[in-house]
């Protein structure tokens, strides 16, 4: 096992465990640690004023420190007291998997950390966003309940085929924008592909809509009043640029409602509009309102059509509770109601999320099709028939029958047996020598094999994924290989300088000459500003004001050379002078 487990992680199904990778804490460089420390110092100082109280309280409860990137093992020892756990994953993972982790009370944390060049914001998931953004807020019980419930519902949302293409394109864009040395032309090509896909998505899928809700709450949510909102969204909590920007009048504040599901977002740009919820409980209310619009709760022809359009593994549940899982290929409808459905490839039948004995993917390796609805001219549905009714209509073991369904579906053959649910309803009838037709068109004809007819008057639910997770092999993800920085790289000396100062601050080596480090830094890396900010902090803290003055002068020269860094440098200096009350 590549990670340290615990009772919460032990409950994860195998198909989620495949996304977990080791954190490899030893691969973080001193520059990585300095980036974490700068962002956290600035965030905690600023967010004390504008973040929801749960954030600052949660930092303490979850054991996330300002000085060091969190170790997943240490986080889990603390999170378990909150009923949660955290795992490192492979950057962007499929949205359904991301949400399903939440349903199991597990935070997924991308263990990579943004480059110094992207210190204010990165489109790629990183440990600053996931660890410092998501983790603290779950210490609030109401919000934690919302997050778990969101995972339960969101993981059942149906995608369409275009969603996966967009997911792959956004994932690639985020990776190459964060990767060092990526050519501008390659980034522009990836950006153009994302834009092209976004403009041609057609009718948004359930997954697209619920991802919008996730974005405007979990990632970019505000809480309180329109006049005095507080931040709780992880994207804002982890962005030192956007957490300040969002509090200005340049960002429109809108009362949170289900309309947020129809408001798209651009992951690569600051958000021009944000939603404000009055409290965390209201988030759950809107989520349930949205769930009422999903095929998960509405079923019917439209739910089945969504599954067909998704071209992905999904499940329908009939009114008897019988669940059919597979890749749905086609449907025959009559008067706006489905009367026959067909899956393609491996399929399985279940009841209450437990696979029925003998109804697995080996039995249904090439697909499963069945009529649904009522028999023609009979007012009582098959599922509601008592044993006496069934016998009266000749639906009895050993009988040759010809069953005409409303809409023109006919099944003829010899009944072998029936399967009942716990309430005594017939949920499956098994035939031999069976023929299924629709208006004289043959849909299925058996020779030696048995035919199983699903029993159900209507489809009450349709959702993403299988009913029984054990029915299908869902292991198809390969972890990307870890690429620790190679020794002898051109940045190795700079990293060594950062390491020396980190060792000095931590008391690991107090004999290091900070003046010597500063001299090498200014000579060989004159535009590196973050280590100079750290040196300035130490100089002021040690009351070495002459040294501090020299460093400040150097930082001012960097600002002249690169004005875009001005506010970052000023903020670093300001934090130090505020901390040590330097006038």
Protein backbone atom coordinates (compact mmCIF):
# COMPACT_ATOMS: atom_id res chain seq x y z
CA UNK A 1 0.00 0.00 0.00
CA UNK A 2 1.41 3.39 -1.02
CA UNK A 3 -0.24 5.33 1.80
CA UNK A 4 -0.96 4.97 5.49
CA UNK A 5 -4.53 3.83 5.99
CA UNK A 6 -6.96 4.36 8.86
CA UNK A 7 -10.55 3.22 9.69
CA UNK A 8 -12.12 5.88 7.41
CA UNK A 9 -9.86 5.09 4.44
CA UNK A 10 -10.36 1.35 4.98
CA UNK A 11 -14.02 1.84 3.98
CA UNK A 12 -13.16 3.30 0.57
CA UNK A 13 -14.05 1.05 -2.38
CA UNK A 14 -11.21 -0.16 -4.59
CA UNK A 15 -12.12 2.07 -7.51
CA UNK A 16 -11.46 5.16 -5.35
CA UNK A 17 -8.28 3.78 -3.81
CA UNK A 18 -6.77 3.59 -7.32
CA UNK A 19 -6.48 7.40 -7.39
CA UNK A 20 -4.49 7.60 -4.13
CA UNK A 21 -0.77 8.15 -4.40
CA UNK A 22 1.98 8.60 -1.81
CA UNK A 23 2.59 12.19 -0.75
CA UNK A 24 6.40 11.75 -0.89
CA UNK A 25 6.95 14.51 1.65
CA UNK A 26 10.72 14.32 1.17
CA UNK A 27 10.32 15.61 -2.39
CA UNK A 28 9.23 19.07 -1.23
CA UNK A 29 12.11 21.50 -1.64
CA UNK A 30 12.97 24.43 0.60
CA UNK A 31 11.57 26.69 -2.15
CA UNK A 32 8.28 24.77 -1.97
CA UNK A 33 8.23 25.26 1.80
CA UNK A 34 8.96 28.99 1.39
CA UNK A 35 6.06 29.33 -1.07
CA UNK A 36 3.72 27.59 1.40
CA UNK A 37 4.96 29.78 4.26
CA UNK A 38 4.58 33.05 2.35
CA UNK A 39 1.04 32.23 1.19
CA UNK A 40 -0.02 31.04 4.64
CA UNK A 41 1.48 34.04 6.49
CA UNK A 42 -0.26 36.42 4.12
CA UNK A 43 -3.53 34.48 4.10
CA UNK A 44 -3.82 34.08 7.86
CA UNK A 45 -3.02 37.75 8.41
CA UNK A 46 -5.60 38.88 5.87
CA UNK A 47 -8.20 36.16 6.29
CA UNK A 48 -8.51 36.82 10.00
CA UNK A 49 -10.52 39.85 8.92
CA UNK A 50 -12.53 38.50 5.96
CA UNK A 51 -12.87 34.72 6.34
CA UNK A 52 -15.66 32.92 8.16
CA UNK A 53 -14.74 32.18 11.77
CA UNK A 54 -14.64 28.47 10.95
CA UNK A 55 -11.49 29.01 8.88
CA UNK A 56 -9.19 30.31 11.59
CA UNK A 57 -10.67 27.90 14.14
CA UNK A 58 -10.31 25.06 11.64
CA UNK A 59 -6.63 25.76 11.03
CA UNK A 60 -5.98 24.97 14.67
CA UNK A 61 -8.32 21.97 14.77
CA UNK A 62 -6.86 20.37 11.65
CA UNK A 63 -3.25 20.91 12.68
CA UNK A 64 -2.28 22.96 9.62
CA UNK A 65 0.70 25.17 10.42
CA UNK A 66 1.95 28.32 8.78
CA UNK A 67 5.59 27.26 8.67
CA UNK A 68 5.45 23.85 6.96
CA UNK A 69 3.56 22.07 4.22
CA UNK A 70 1.19 19.68 6.00
CA UNK A 71 2.14 16.04 6.20
CA UNK A 72 -0.84 13.87 5.26
CA UNK A 73 -0.14 11.40 8.03
CA UNK A 74 -0.17 14.13 10.64
CA UNK A 75 -3.34 15.65 9.19
CA UNK A 76 -5.13 12.30 9.33
CA UNK A 77 -4.32 11.78 12.98
CA UNK A 78 -6.16 15.02 13.70
CA UNK A 79 -8.91 14.77 11.06
CA UNK A 80 -10.06 11.40 12.39
CA UNK A 81 -11.41 13.18 15.47
CA UNK A 82 -13.65 15.15 13.10
CA UNK A 83 -14.74 11.93 11.35
CA UNK A 84 -12.75 12.76 8.21
CA UNK A 85 -9.55 11.74 6.46
CA UNK A 86 -7.33 13.09 3.69
CA UNK A 87 -5.47 11.43 0.84
CA UNK A 88 -3.02 12.58 -1.80
CA UNK A 89 -4.27 12.13 -5.36
CA UNK A 90 -3.11 12.56 -8.92
CA UNK A 91 -4.02 16.23 -9.49
CA UNK A 92 -7.36 16.50 -11.30
CA UNK A 93 -9.40 13.31 -10.96
CA UNK A 94 -12.79 12.68 -12.63
CA UNK A 95 -15.52 14.84 -11.06
CA UNK A 96 -17.66 11.84 -10.05
CA UNK A 97 -14.70 10.26 -8.22
CA UNK A 98 -13.85 13.56 -6.54
CA UNK A 99 -17.40 13.84 -5.20
CA UNK A 100 -17.59 10.20 -4.20
CA UNK A 101 -14.53 10.67 -1.99
CA UNK A 102 -16.46 13.44 -0.21
CA UNK A 103 -19.37 11.05 0.31
CA UNK A 104 -16.98 8.85 2.30
CA UNK A 105 -15.78 11.85 4.38
CA UNK A 106 -12.43 11.91 2.61
CA UNK A 107 -10.73 15.06 1.35
CA UNK A 108 -8.68 14.59 -1.80
CA UNK A 109 -5.53 16.67 -1.74
CA UNK A 110 -3.29 17.22 -4.73
CA UNK A 111 0.14 16.86 -3.14
CA UNK A 112 1.95 19.03 -5.69
CA UNK A 113 2.57 22.67 -4.82
CA UNK A 114 2.48 25.66 -7.15
CA UNK A 115 5.66 27.17 -8.55
CA UNK A 116 6.98 30.42 -7.16
CA UNK A 117 6.04 32.07 -10.47
CA UNK A 118 2.37 31.17 -9.80
CA UNK A 119 2.38 31.95 -6.09
CA UNK A 120 -0.84 33.99 -6.20
CA UNK A 121 -2.97 31.56 -8.16
CA UNK A 122 -2.65 28.30 -10.05
CA UNK A 123 -5.34 26.58 -12.15
CA UNK A 124 -3.89 23.21 -11.15
CA UNK A 125 -5.02 21.64 -7.88
CA UNK A 126 -2.23 21.92 -5.31
CA UNK A 127 -1.70 21.38 -1.61
CA UNK A 128 -2.16 25.07 -0.80
CA UNK A 129 -5.61 25.03 -2.36
CA UNK A 130 -6.65 21.62 -1.04
CA UNK A 131 -4.92 21.57 2.34
CA UNK A 132 -5.13 25.20 3.42
CA UNK A 133 -8.41 25.86 1.61
CA UNK A 134 -10.67 22.83 2.02
CA UNK A 135 -9.45 21.17 5.21
CA UNK A 136 -9.98 23.93 7.82
CA UNK A 137 -13.65 24.55 6.99
CA UNK A 138 -14.69 20.94 7.56
CA UNK A 139 -14.16 21.55 11.28
CA UNK A 140 -17.59 23.25 11.05
CA UNK A 141 -20.14 20.39 11.52
CA UNK A 142 -22.89 21.99 9.39
CA UNK A 143 -20.50 22.60 6.51
CA UNK A 144 -18.95 19.12 6.84
CA UNK A 145 -22.44 17.59 6.58
CA UNK A 146 -23.09 19.66 3.44
CA UNK A 147 -19.82 18.53 1.88
CA UNK A 148 -20.56 14.86 2.54
CA UNK A 149 -24.12 15.17 1.26
CA UNK A 150 -22.87 16.99 -1.82
CA UNK A 151 -20.58 14.06 -2.49
CA UNK A 152 -23.42 11.56 -2.18
CA UNK A 153 -25.62 13.42 -4.64
CA UNK A 154 -22.91 14.73 -6.95
CA UNK A 155 -21.39 11.30 -7.53
CA UNK A 156 -24.74 10.16 -8.96
CA UNK A 157 -25.01 13.06 -11.43
CA UNK A 158 -25.06 11.99 -15.07
CA UNK A 159 -22.44 13.42 -17.44
CA UNK A 160 -22.58 13.62 -21.18
CA UNK A 161 -19.87 12.52 -23.59
CA UNK A 162 -18.58 16.09 -24.01
CA UNK A 163 -18.00 16.51 -20.28
CA UNK A 164 -15.17 13.98 -20.28
CA UNK A 165 -13.49 15.64 -23.25
CA UNK A 166 -13.65 18.99 -21.44
CA UNK A 167 -12.36 17.43 -18.21
CA UNK A 168 -9.35 16.02 -20.05
CA UNK A 169 -8.67 19.33 -21.80
CA UNK A 170 -8.89 21.40 -18.59
CA UNK A 171 -6.72 18.86 -16.77
CA UNK A 172 -4.03 19.09 -19.43
CA UNK A 173 -4.19 22.90 -19.53
CA UNK A 174 -3.78 23.16 -15.76
CA UNK A 175 -0.79 20.79 -15.85
CA UNK A 176 1.12 22.51 -18.63
CA UNK A 177 0.43 26.01 -17.27
CA UNK A 178 1.99 24.93 -13.98
CA UNK A 179 4.86 22.98 -15.55
CA UNK A 180 8.17 24.76 -15.84
CA UNK A 181 9.41 25.54 -19.33
CA UNK A 182 6.12 25.00 -21.20
CA UNK A 183 6.16 26.92 -24.47
CA UNK A 184 3.63 29.73 -24.84
CA UNK A 185 2.37 28.24 -28.11
CA UNK A 186 1.55 24.94 -26.37
CA UNK A 187 -0.38 26.77 -23.64
CA UNK A 188 -2.30 28.83 -26.20
CA UNK A 189 -3.18 25.68 -28.14
CA UNK A 190 -4.51 24.04 -24.95
CA UNK A 191 -6.41 27.21 -24.01
CA UNK A 192 -8.01 27.35 -27.45
CA UNK A 193 -9.12 23.73 -27.16
CA UNK A 194 -10.74 24.38 -23.76
CA UNK A 195 -12.48 27.48 -25.13
CA UNK A 196 -13.69 25.59 -28.21
CA UNK A 197 -15.09 22.76 -26.09
CA UNK A 198 -16.75 25.18 -23.65
CA UNK A 199 -18.49 26.98 -26.50
CA UNK A 200 -19.84 23.73 -27.97
CA UNK A 201 -21.08 21.86 -24.92
CA UNK A 202 -24.73 22.04 -25.90
CA UNK A 203 -27.33 21.45 -23.19
CA UNK A 204 -25.44 21.23 -19.86
CA UNK A 205 -25.47 17.82 -18.22
CA UNK A 206 -26.38 17.17 -14.60
CA UNK A 207 -22.68 16.88 -13.78
CA UNK A 208 -21.96 20.23 -15.42
CA UNK A 209 -24.77 21.87 -13.45
CA UNK A 210 -23.82 20.37 -10.09
CA UNK A 211 -20.17 21.25 -10.71
CA UNK A 212 -21.35 24.84 -11.06
CA UNK A 213 -22.99 24.55 -7.62
CA UNK A 214 -19.78 23.07 -6.23
CA UNK A 215 -17.73 25.89 -7.72
CA UNK A 216 -19.93 28.71 -6.38
CA UNK A 217 -20.07 27.19 -2.89
CA UNK A 218 -17.24 24.82 -1.95
CA UNK A 219 -14.66 26.59 -4.12
CA UNK A 220 -15.77 30.22 -4.41
CA UNK A 221 -18.48 30.72 -1.84
CA UNK A 222 -19.16 33.73 0.38
CA UNK A 223 -21.33 33.65 3.50
CA UNK A 224 -23.23 36.29 5.46
CA UNK A 225 -24.84 39.40 3.99
CA UNK A 226 -24.31 41.08 0.63
CA UNK A 227 -23.01 44.13 2.46
CA UNK A 228 -20.59 42.25 4.73
CA UNK A 229 -19.81 38.79 3.32
CA UNK A 230 -17.16 36.44 4.66
CA UNK A 231 -15.09 33.91 2.70
CA UNK A 232 -15.52 30.16 3.07
CA UNK A 233 -14.74 28.85 -0.46
CA UNK A 234 -11.42 27.02 -0.72
CA UNK A 235 -10.46 28.66 -4.00
CA UNK A 236 -10.67 32.08 -2.35
CA UNK A 237 -9.08 30.96 0.92
CA UNK A 238 -6.04 29.62 -0.93
CA UNK A 239 -5.56 32.52 -3.38
CA UNK A 240 -3.69 35.49 -1.91
CA UNK A 241 -4.67 37.54 -4.93
CA UNK A 242 -8.33 36.65 -5.29
CA UNK A 243 -9.16 36.66 -1.57
CA UNK A 244 -8.44 40.41 -1.61
CA UNK A 245 -9.93 41.03 -5.06
CA UNK A 246 -13.24 39.37 -4.17
CA UNK A 247 -13.83 41.77 -1.30
CA UNK A 248 -13.77 44.83 -3.59
CA UNK A 249 -16.73 46.40 -5.36
CA UNK A 250 -15.30 45.15 -8.66
CA UNK A 251 -16.72 41.71 -7.86
CA UNK A 252 -20.51 41.57 -7.94
CA UNK A 253 -22.16 39.86 -4.94
CA UNK A 254 -25.39 37.91 -5.61
CA UNK A 255 -27.71 36.06 -3.17
CA UNK A 256 -27.08 32.33 -3.47
CA UNK A 257 -29.84 30.31 -5.11
CA UNK A 258 -30.35 27.33 -7.39
CA UNK A 259 -29.66 29.73 -10.28
CA UNK A 260 -25.96 29.24 -9.50
CA UNK A 261 -26.26 25.83 -11.17
CA UNK A 262 -26.78 27.64 -14.48
CA UNK A 263 -23.89 30.07 -14.02
CA UNK A 264 -20.75 28.73 -15.75
CA UNK A 265 -17.23 29.56 -14.59
CA UNK A 266 -13.76 29.93 -16.07
CA UNK A 267 -11.18 28.11 -13.98
CA UNK A 268 -8.29 30.13 -15.48
CA UNK A 269 -9.63 33.62 -14.65
CA UNK A 270 -10.59 35.59 -11.49
CA UNK A 271 -14.35 35.39 -10.96
CA UNK A 272 -16.32 38.57 -11.77
CA UNK A 273 -19.34 37.50 -9.67
CA UNK A 274 -19.75 35.54 -6.45
CA UNK A 275 -22.73 34.08 -4.59
CA UNK A 276 -23.42 34.79 -0.92
CA UNK A 277 -25.28 32.25 1.23
CA UNK A 278 -26.87 33.48 4.48
CA UNK A 279 -25.58 30.40 6.37
CA UNK A 280 -24.28 26.88 5.79
CA UNK A 281 -27.70 25.28 6.35
CA UNK A 282 -29.05 27.16 3.30
CA UNK A 283 -26.45 25.43 1.13
CA UNK A 284 -28.01 22.07 1.97
CA UNK A 285 -31.49 23.39 1.18
CA UNK A 286 -30.44 24.50 -2.32
CA UNK A 287 -28.62 21.21 -2.86
CA UNK A 288 -31.78 19.21 -2.09
CA UNK A 289 -33.78 21.48 -4.39
CA UNK A 290 -31.32 20.75 -7.17
CA UNK A 291 -31.34 17.01 -6.43
CA UNK A 292 -35.11 17.06 -6.98
CA UNK A 293 -34.43 18.02 -10.61
CA UNK A 294 -31.96 15.16 -11.20
CA UNK A 295 -32.75 11.87 -12.88
CA UNK A 296 -31.70 10.32 -9.59
CA UNK A 297 -35.11 11.38 -8.28
CA UNK A 298 -37.19 11.91 -11.41
CA UNK A 299 -36.29 8.78 -13.43
CA UNK A 300 -38.58 8.38 -16.44
CA UNK A 301 -37.78 8.59 -20.13
CA UNK A 302 -35.64 11.70 -19.72
CA UNK A 303 -33.47 9.99 -17.10
CA UNK A 304 -32.91 7.01 -19.37
CA UNK A 305 -32.11 9.31 -22.29
CA UNK A 306 -29.51 11.10 -20.15
CA UNK A 307 -27.81 7.78 -19.46
CA UNK A 308 -27.82 6.92 -23.17
CA UNK A 309 -26.28 10.31 -23.95
CA UNK A 310 -23.59 9.87 -21.31
CA UNK A 311 -22.12 6.80 -23.05
CA UNK A 312 -20.98 5.80 -19.57
CA UNK A 313 -21.81 3.19 -16.99
CA UNK A 314 -25.10 4.00 -15.29
CA UNK A 315 -28.08 2.51 -13.47
CA UNK A 316 -31.85 2.66 -13.73
CA UNK A 317 -34.09 1.59 -10.86
CA UNK A 318 -37.57 0.33 -11.59
CA UNK A 319 -40.63 0.79 -9.40
CA UNK A 320 -40.09 -2.71 -7.95
CA UNK A 321 -36.62 -1.70 -6.73
CA UNK A 322 -34.88 -3.79 -9.41
CA UNK A 323 -31.71 -2.03 -10.54
CA UNK A 324 -30.14 -2.53 -13.96
CA UNK A 325 -26.56 -1.33 -14.45
CA UNK A 326 -24.68 -1.08 -17.72
CA UNK A 327 -24.01 1.19 -20.70
CA UNK A 328 -27.48 2.10 -21.92
CA UNK A 329 -27.69 2.06 -25.69
CA UNK A 330 -31.30 2.63 -26.75
CA UNK A 331 -34.88 3.08 -25.62
CA UNK A 332 -38.26 2.59 -27.26
CA UNK A 333 -40.89 5.07 -26.07
CA UNK A 334 -44.67 5.26 -26.36
CA UNK A 335 -46.75 8.30 -25.37
CA UNK A 336 -43.72 9.88 -23.68
CA UNK A 337 -42.96 6.81 -21.55
CA UNK A 338 -40.21 4.23 -21.97
CA UNK A 339 -41.53 0.79 -22.91
CA UNK A 340 -38.27 -1.00 -23.71
CA UNK A 341 -34.60 -0.36 -22.89
CA UNK A 342 -31.38 -1.97 -24.03
CA UNK A 343 -27.85 -1.93 -22.64
CA UNK A 344 -24.72 -2.76 -24.61
CA UNK A 345 -21.94 -4.89 -23.16
CA UNK A 346 -21.46 -6.05 -19.60
CA UNK A 347 -24.55 -5.50 -17.45
CA UNK A 348 -25.73 -6.60 -14.02
CA UNK A 349 -28.95 -6.66 -12.01
CA UNK A 350 -29.25 -5.72 -8.35
CA UNK A 351 -31.74 -5.01 -5.60
CA UNK A 352 -30.98 -2.41 -2.92
CA UNK A 353 -27.42 -2.02 -4.23
CA UNK A 354 -26.72 -5.76 -3.90
CA UNK A 355 -26.20 -7.84 -7.01
CA UNK A 356 -28.79 -10.57 -7.59
CA UNK A 357 -27.39 -14.07 -7.58
CA UNK A 358 -26.89 -15.30 -11.15
CA UNK A 359 -27.47 -11.85 -12.66
CA UNK A 360 -23.87 -10.66 -13.00
CA UNK A 361 -21.76 -9.43 -15.95
CA UNK A 362 -20.96 -13.02 -16.93
CA UNK A 363 -24.63 -13.80 -17.32
CA UNK A 364 -25.23 -10.53 -19.19
CA UNK A 365 -21.92 -10.12 -21.01
CA UNK A 366 -23.38 -8.69 -24.22
CA UNK A 367 -26.16 -6.53 -22.80
CA UNK A 368 -29.59 -6.63 -21.22
CA UNK A 369 -32.94 -5.56 -22.65
CA UNK A 370 -36.43 -5.65 -21.24
CA UNK A 371 -39.90 -4.17 -21.59
CA UNK A 372 -41.30 -1.99 -18.81
CA UNK A 373 -44.82 -0.78 -18.19
CA UNK A 374 -48.22 -2.44 -18.05
CA UNK A 375 -49.71 -5.30 -19.98
CA UNK A 376 -52.17 -4.21 -22.64
CA UNK A 377 -55.79 -4.12 -21.47
CA UNK A 378 -54.97 -5.01 -17.84
CA UNK A 379 -55.46 -2.34 -15.19
CA UNK A 380 -53.13 -3.88 -12.63
CA UNK A 381 -49.35 -3.82 -13.07
CA UNK A 382 -47.51 -7.16 -12.90
CA UNK A 383 -45.63 -6.02 -9.78
CA UNK A 384 -48.93 -5.42 -7.98
CA UNK A 385 -50.41 -8.79 -8.85
CA UNK A 386 -50.97 -11.29 -6.06
CA UNK A 387 -50.08 -14.96 -6.68
CA UNK A 388 -53.79 -15.54 -7.46
CA UNK A 389 -53.76 -12.66 -10.01
CA UNK A 390 -50.62 -13.97 -11.68
CA UNK A 391 -52.15 -17.42 -12.07
CA UNK A 392 -55.35 -15.91 -13.44
CA UNK A 393 -53.35 -14.14 -16.17
CA UNK A 394 -51.43 -17.35 -16.95
CA UNK A 395 -48.17 -15.88 -15.55
CA UNK A 396 -47.09 -19.09 -13.86
CA UNK A 397 -44.07 -21.40 -13.85
CA UNK A 398 -44.12 -23.94 -16.67
CA UNK A 399 -46.72 -22.09 -18.76
CA UNK A 400 -46.25 -21.01 -22.38
CA UNK A 401 -47.32 -17.36 -22.56
CA UNK A 402 -47.61 -14.45 -24.95
CA UNK A 403 -47.56 -11.14 -23.10
CA UNK A 404 -48.62 -7.97 -24.93
CA UNK A 405 -47.38 -4.74 -23.34
CA UNK A 406 -48.76 -1.27 -23.96
CA UNK A 407 -46.87 0.29 -26.87
CA UNK A 408 -46.50 -2.84 -28.96
CA UNK A 409 -43.90 -4.94 -27.12
CA UNK A 410 -44.66 -8.69 -27.07
CA UNK A 411 -42.86 -11.42 -25.15
CA UNK A 412 -43.60 -15.08 -25.88
CA UNK A 413 -41.98 -18.13 -24.33
CA UNK A 414 -42.09 -20.61 -21.51
CA UNK A 415 -41.89 -19.26 -17.96
CA UNK A 416 -39.16 -21.01 -15.98
CA UNK A 417 -39.25 -19.14 -12.66
CA UNK A 418 -39.74 -15.79 -10.97
CA UNK A 419 -37.67 -13.73 -8.54
CA UNK A 420 -39.32 -11.71 -5.79
CA UNK A 421 -38.10 -8.78 -3.70
CA UNK A 422 -38.32 -8.62 0.09
CA UNK A 423 -41.82 -7.17 -0.13
CA UNK A 424 -42.98 -10.19 -2.12
CA UNK A 425 -43.25 -8.37 -5.45
CA UNK A 426 -42.16 -10.16 -8.60
CA UNK A 427 -39.08 -8.30 -9.91
CA UNK A 428 -37.83 -10.74 -12.54
CA UNK A 429 -39.39 -13.46 -14.70
CA UNK A 430 -37.14 -15.97 -16.43
CA UNK A 431 -38.15 -17.51 -19.79
CA UNK A 432 -36.79 -20.17 -22.09
CA UNK A 433 -37.31 -20.34 -25.87
CA UNK A 434 -38.19 -16.65 -25.67
CA UNK A 435 -38.94 -14.14 -28.41
CA UNK A 436 -39.26 -10.37 -27.88
CA UNK A 437 -40.77 -8.18 -30.59
CA UNK A 438 -41.87 -4.59 -31.11
CA UNK A 439 -44.57 -4.26 -33.77
CA UNK A 440 -43.28 -7.47 -35.40
CA UNK A 441 -39.62 -6.33 -35.29
CA UNK A 442 -37.56 -8.92 -33.42
CA UNK A 443 -35.62 -7.39 -30.52
CA UNK A 444 -34.42 -10.64 -28.99
CA UNK A 445 -34.77 -14.33 -29.71
CA UNK A 446 -33.28 -17.03 -27.51
CA UNK A 447 -32.15 -20.43 -28.59
CA UNK A 448 -30.64 -22.26 -25.68
CA UNK A 449 -30.05 -19.37 -23.30
CA UNK A 450 -32.57 -18.14 -20.75
CA UNK A 451 -34.15 -14.69 -21.00
CA UNK A 452 -34.73 -12.54 -17.92
CA UNK A 453 -37.54 -10.00 -18.10
CA UNK A 454 -37.32 -7.10 -15.67
CA UNK A 455 -40.56 -6.28 -13.88
CA UNK A 456 -41.42 -2.65 -13.26
CA UNK A 457 -44.16 -0.31 -14.30
CA UNK A 458 -41.86 2.72 -14.50
CA UNK A 459 -38.29 3.98 -14.05
CA UNK A 460 -38.14 5.78 -10.71
CA UNK A 461 -34.43 6.66 -10.76
CA UNK A 462 -31.49 6.94 -13.16
CA UNK A 463 -27.97 7.77 -12.10
CA UNK A 464 -24.27 7.54 -12.86
CA UNK A 465 -22.35 4.42 -11.86
CA UNK A 466 -23.31 0.86 -10.93
CA UNK A 467 -25.85 -0.13 -8.29
CA UNK A 468 -23.42 -2.63 -6.74
CA UNK A 469 -19.81 -1.44 -6.94
CA UNK A 470 -18.64 -5.05 -6.85
CA UNK A 471 -20.43 -5.92 -10.08
CA UNK A 472 -17.93 -4.21 -12.39
CA UNK A 473 -14.17 -3.87 -12.71
CA UNK A 474 -13.74 -0.12 -12.26
CA UNK A 475 -9.95 -0.14 -12.01
CA UNK A 476 -8.75 1.78 -15.06
CA UNK A 477 -6.57 4.60 -13.65
CA UNK A 478 -2.79 4.57 -13.81
CA UNK A 479 -0.95 6.82 -11.38
CA UNK A 480 1.43 9.28 -12.98
CA UNK A 481 5.02 8.60 -12.04
CA UNK A 482 6.57 10.77 -9.34
CA UNK A 483 9.25 13.05 -10.69
CA UNK A 484 11.38 14.40 -7.86
CA UNK A 485 13.70 17.17 -8.94
CA UNK A 486 16.86 15.72 -10.38
CA UNK A 487 20.09 16.42 -8.61
CA UNK A 488 22.47 18.70 -10.43
CA UNK A 489 19.72 20.86 -11.88
CA UNK A 490 20.45 24.51 -12.53
CA UNK A 491 18.25 25.48 -9.57
CA UNK A 492 20.07 23.22 -7.13
CA UNK A 493 22.27 26.01 -5.76
CA UNK A 494 19.30 28.33 -5.29
CA UNK A 495 17.43 25.54 -3.51
CA UNK A 496 20.45 25.06 -1.27
CA UNK A 497 20.35 28.74 -0.30
CA UNK A 498 16.67 28.43 0.61
CA UNK A 499 17.45 25.29 2.60
CA UNK A 500 20.17 27.03 4.60
CA UNK A 501 17.78 29.80 5.64
CA UNK A 502 15.06 27.29 6.48
CA UNK A 503 17.53 25.34 8.64
CA UNK A 504 18.54 28.58 10.34
CA UNK A 505 14.95 29.54 11.15
CA UNK A 506 14.12 26.08 12.44
CA UNK A 507 17.18 26.07 14.69
CA UNK A 508 18.67 23.15 12.78
CA UNK A 509 21.83 25.12 11.93
CA UNK A 510 22.25 28.54 13.55
CA UNK A 511 25.88 28.94 12.38
CA UNK A 512 24.83 29.77 8.82
CA UNK A 513 25.91 33.22 7.66
CA UNK A 514 22.79 34.97 6.41
CA UNK A 515 24.94 37.78 5.01
CA UNK A 516 26.87 35.27 2.92
CA UNK A 517 23.66 33.71 1.65
CA UNK A 518 22.38 37.18 0.72
CA UNK A 519 25.63 37.98 -1.13
CA UNK A 520 25.44 34.79 -3.23
CA UNK A 521 21.74 35.38 -3.85
CA UNK A 522 22.17 38.93 -5.15
CA UNK A 523 25.12 37.93 -7.32
CA UNK A 524 23.72 34.76 -8.91
CA UNK A 525 19.93 35.12 -8.52
CA UNK A 526 19.33 38.89 -8.45
CA UNK A 527 15.64 38.60 -9.40
CA UNK A 528 14.68 36.02 -6.77
CA UNK A 529 12.55 37.98 -4.32
CA UNK A 530 11.08 35.41 -1.91
CA UNK A 531 14.33 34.40 -0.20
CA UNK A 532 15.18 38.09 0.24
CA UNK A 533 11.80 38.57 1.95
CA UNK A 534 12.63 35.68 4.29
CA UNK A 535 16.07 37.15 5.00
CA UNK A 536 14.47 40.53 5.71
CA UNK A 537 12.12 38.91 8.22
CA UNK A 538 15.03 37.26 10.04
CA UNK A 539 17.12 40.45 10.02
CA UNK A 540 14.30 42.51 11.50
CA UNK A 541 13.53 39.81 14.04
CA UNK A 542 17.17 39.80 15.15
CA UNK A 543 17.25 43.61 15.26
CA UNK A 544 19.95 43.64 12.59
CA UNK A 545 18.58 46.82 11.11
CA UNK A 546 21.55 47.66 8.86
CA UNK A 547 21.29 44.25 7.21
CA UNK A 548 17.52 44.69 6.95
CA UNK A 549 18.05 48.05 5.23
CA UNK A 550 20.36 46.48 2.64
CA UNK A 551 17.86 43.73 1.91
CA UNK A 552 15.02 46.22 1.59
CA UNK A 553 17.04 48.28 -0.87
CA UNK A 554 17.66 45.14 -2.92
CA UNK A 555 13.97 44.28 -2.89
CA UNK A 556 13.13 47.80 -4.08
CA UNK A 557 15.53 47.31 -6.99
CA UNK A 558 13.73 44.08 -7.92
CA UNK A 559 10.44 46.00 -7.92
CA UNK A 560 11.88 48.49 -10.39
CA UNK A 561 13.11 45.64 -12.58
CA UNK A 562 9.83 43.74 -12.39
CA UNK A 563 6.88 45.93 -11.27
CA UNK A 564 4.50 42.93 -11.32
CA UNK A 565 6.26 41.62 -8.21
CA UNK A 566 5.82 44.93 -6.39
CA UNK A 567 2.72 44.06 -4.38
CA UNK A 568 4.10 40.63 -3.40
CA UNK A 569 7.32 42.18 -2.12
CA UNK A 570 5.46 45.00 -0.36
CA UNK A 571 3.16 42.50 1.31
CA UNK A 572 6.11 40.41 2.49
CA UNK A 573 7.84 43.48 3.93
CA UNK A 574 4.57 44.72 5.42
CA UNK A 575 3.92 41.41 7.21
CA UNK A 576 7.34 41.54 8.83
CA UNK A 577 7.06 45.18 9.86
CA UNK A 578 3.59 44.57 11.24
CA UNK A 579 4.79 41.55 13.20
CA UNK A 580 7.78 43.32 14.73
CA UNK A 581 6.10 46.78 14.91
CA UNK A 582 8.92 48.33 12.89
CA UNK A 583 8.29 51.97 12.04
